[in-house]
Amino acid sequence: MEVVVSAVIFALVLVGMTNLFIGGRRYIMHARARMTAGELGKYFVDPLQMQVRFDQWGSNCLSSGAGCVTPTFNINNIDYNAQYQVSPGPGTTDVRRVTTTITWQEIAP
């Protein structure tokens, strides 16, 4: 009887530890994907810093308001998509706000 009770307790502890490891792995994969998306966001925004002069607004992809076409990157079997959104800045028409959104579909661990 004692062996059965100890086996049940051991099984419960083992199931709990397995769930803990699976949850930890899922968290690590999500954190890794977020870090990659952050670096890709920086990669997409860096070239825009070269196009901030007012006299160039009529000749680049940000002047239309539709945003720029960005490629899809596949890193660690995850597809990352970037999208620019251009909106007028606060209080003036000479300033524009560019928001970059990185989206990806997470894979199950």
Protein backbone atom coordinates (compact mmCIF):
# COMPACT_ATOMS: atom_id res chain seq x y z
CA MET A 1 0.00 0.00 0.00
CA GLU A 2 2.84 2.37 0.80
CA VAL A 3 4.43 1.71 -2.59
CA VAL A 4 1.17 2.60 -4.40
CA VAL A 5 0.81 5.85 -2.43
CA SER A 6 4.42 6.81 -3.09
CA ALA A 7 4.01 5.98 -6.81
CA VAL A 8 0.91 8.23 -7.01
CA ILE A 9 2.73 11.07 -5.25
CA PHE A 10 5.74 10.63 -7.54
CA ALA A 11 3.45 10.67 -10.61
CA LEU A 12 1.77 13.91 -9.44
CA VAL A 13 5.15 15.56 -8.85
CA LEU A 14 6.40 14.37 -12.24
CA VAL A 15 3.32 15.74 -14.05
CA GLY A 16 3.74 19.08 -12.28
CA MET A 17 7.42 19.29 -13.20
CA THR A 18 6.63 18.40 -16.83
CA ASN A 19 4.06 21.19 -17.04
CA LEU A 20 6.58 23.58 -15.50
CA PHE A 21 9.21 22.70 -18.11
CA ILE A 22 6.74 22.97 -21.00
CA GLY A 23 5.54 26.36 -19.77
CA GLY A 24 9.12 27.54 -19.35
CA ARG A 25 10.02 26.45 -22.86
CA ARG A 26 6.97 28.24 -24.27
CA TYR A 27 7.94 31.41 -22.39
CA ILE A 28 11.54 31.22 -23.67
CA MET A 29 10.38 30.71 -27.26
CA HIS A 30 8.00 33.68 -26.96
CA ALA A 31 10.74 35.88 -25.47
CA ARG A 32 13.14 34.87 -28.25
CA ALA A 33 10.52 35.72 -30.91
CA ARG A 34 9.88 39.10 -29.26
CA MET A 35 13.60 39.90 -29.20
CA THR A 36 13.91 38.95 -32.87
CA ALA A 37 10.89 41.12 -33.73
CA GLY A 38 12.43 44.04 -31.84
CA GLU A 39 15.67 43.72 -33.77
CA LEU A 40 13.75 43.50 -37.05
CA GLY A 41 11.79 46.61 -36.09
CA LYS A 42 15.07 48.43 -35.56
CA TYR A 43 16.29 47.08 -38.90
CA PHE A 44 13.20 48.46 -40.68
CA VAL A 45 13.26 51.86 -38.96
CA ASP A 46 16.98 52.57 -39.42
CA PRO A 47 16.75 53.32 -43.18
CA LEU A 48 13.89 55.74 -42.54
CA GLN A 49 16.22 57.97 -40.55
CA MET A 50 17.96 58.81 -43.81
CA GLN A 51 14.67 60.11 -45.30
CA VAL A 52 13.68 62.67 -42.69
CA ARG A 53 14.58 65.80 -44.62
CA PHE A 54 11.51 67.82 -45.53
CA ASP A 55 12.60 68.32 -49.15
CA GLN A 56 12.66 64.54 -49.68
CA TRP A 57 9.14 63.80 -48.45
CA GLY A 58 7.69 64.00 -51.96
CA SER A 59 10.03 61.39 -53.40
CA ASN A 60 10.06 58.51 -50.93
CA CYS A 61 7.65 55.76 -49.97
CA LEU A 62 6.53 57.51 -46.77
CA SER A 63 5.11 60.57 -48.53
CA SER A 64 2.09 58.71 -49.90
CA GLY A 65 0.83 57.83 -46.43
CA ALA A 66 0.38 54.20 -47.45
CA GLY A 67 3.76 53.18 -46.14
CA CYS A 68 6.62 51.22 -47.63
CA VAL A 69 6.61 47.68 -48.95
CA THR A 70 8.62 45.46 -46.64
CA PRO A 71 9.83 41.92 -47.19
CA THR A 72 8.94 38.91 -45.09
CA PHE A 73 11.78 37.39 -43.12
CA ASN A 74 11.91 33.75 -42.06
CA ILE A 75 14.06 33.32 -38.95
CA ASN A 76 14.06 30.04 -37.02
CA ASN A 77 11.08 28.82 -39.08
CA ILE A 78 8.99 31.83 -38.04
CA ASP A 79 7.77 34.33 -40.66
CA TYR A 80 8.09 37.95 -39.52
CA ASN A 81 6.14 40.64 -41.39
CA ALA A 82 6.69 44.37 -40.99
CA GLN A 83 4.25 47.11 -41.79
CA TYR A 84 4.71 50.89 -41.69
CA GLN A 85 1.89 53.22 -40.80
CA VAL A 86 2.37 56.92 -41.48
CA SER A 87 0.23 59.49 -39.70
CA PRO A 88 0.49 63.26 -39.21
CA GLY A 89 2.45 64.36 -36.19
CA PRO A 90 0.87 66.20 -33.29
CA GLY A 91 0.05 69.83 -34.00
CA THR A 92 1.78 70.30 -37.35
CA THR A 93 1.70 69.03 -40.91
CA ASP A 94 5.49 69.13 -41.32
CA VAL A 95 6.03 66.27 -38.88
CA ARG A 96 4.92 62.71 -39.53
CA ARG A 97 4.75 59.80 -37.17
CA VAL A 98 5.87 56.43 -38.51
CA THR A 99 4.77 53.34 -36.61
CA THR A 100 6.33 50.01 -37.44
CA THR A 101 4.40 46.87 -36.54
CA ILE A 102 6.09 43.46 -36.63
CA THR A 103 3.79 40.46 -36.70
CA TRP A 104 4.55 36.76 -36.52
CA GLN A 105 2.77 33.48 -35.92
CA GLU A 106 4.25 31.62 -32.99
CA ILE A 107 4.84 27.93 -33.31
CA ALA A 108 3.83 25.47 -30.63
CA PRO A 109 6.69 24.02 -28.57
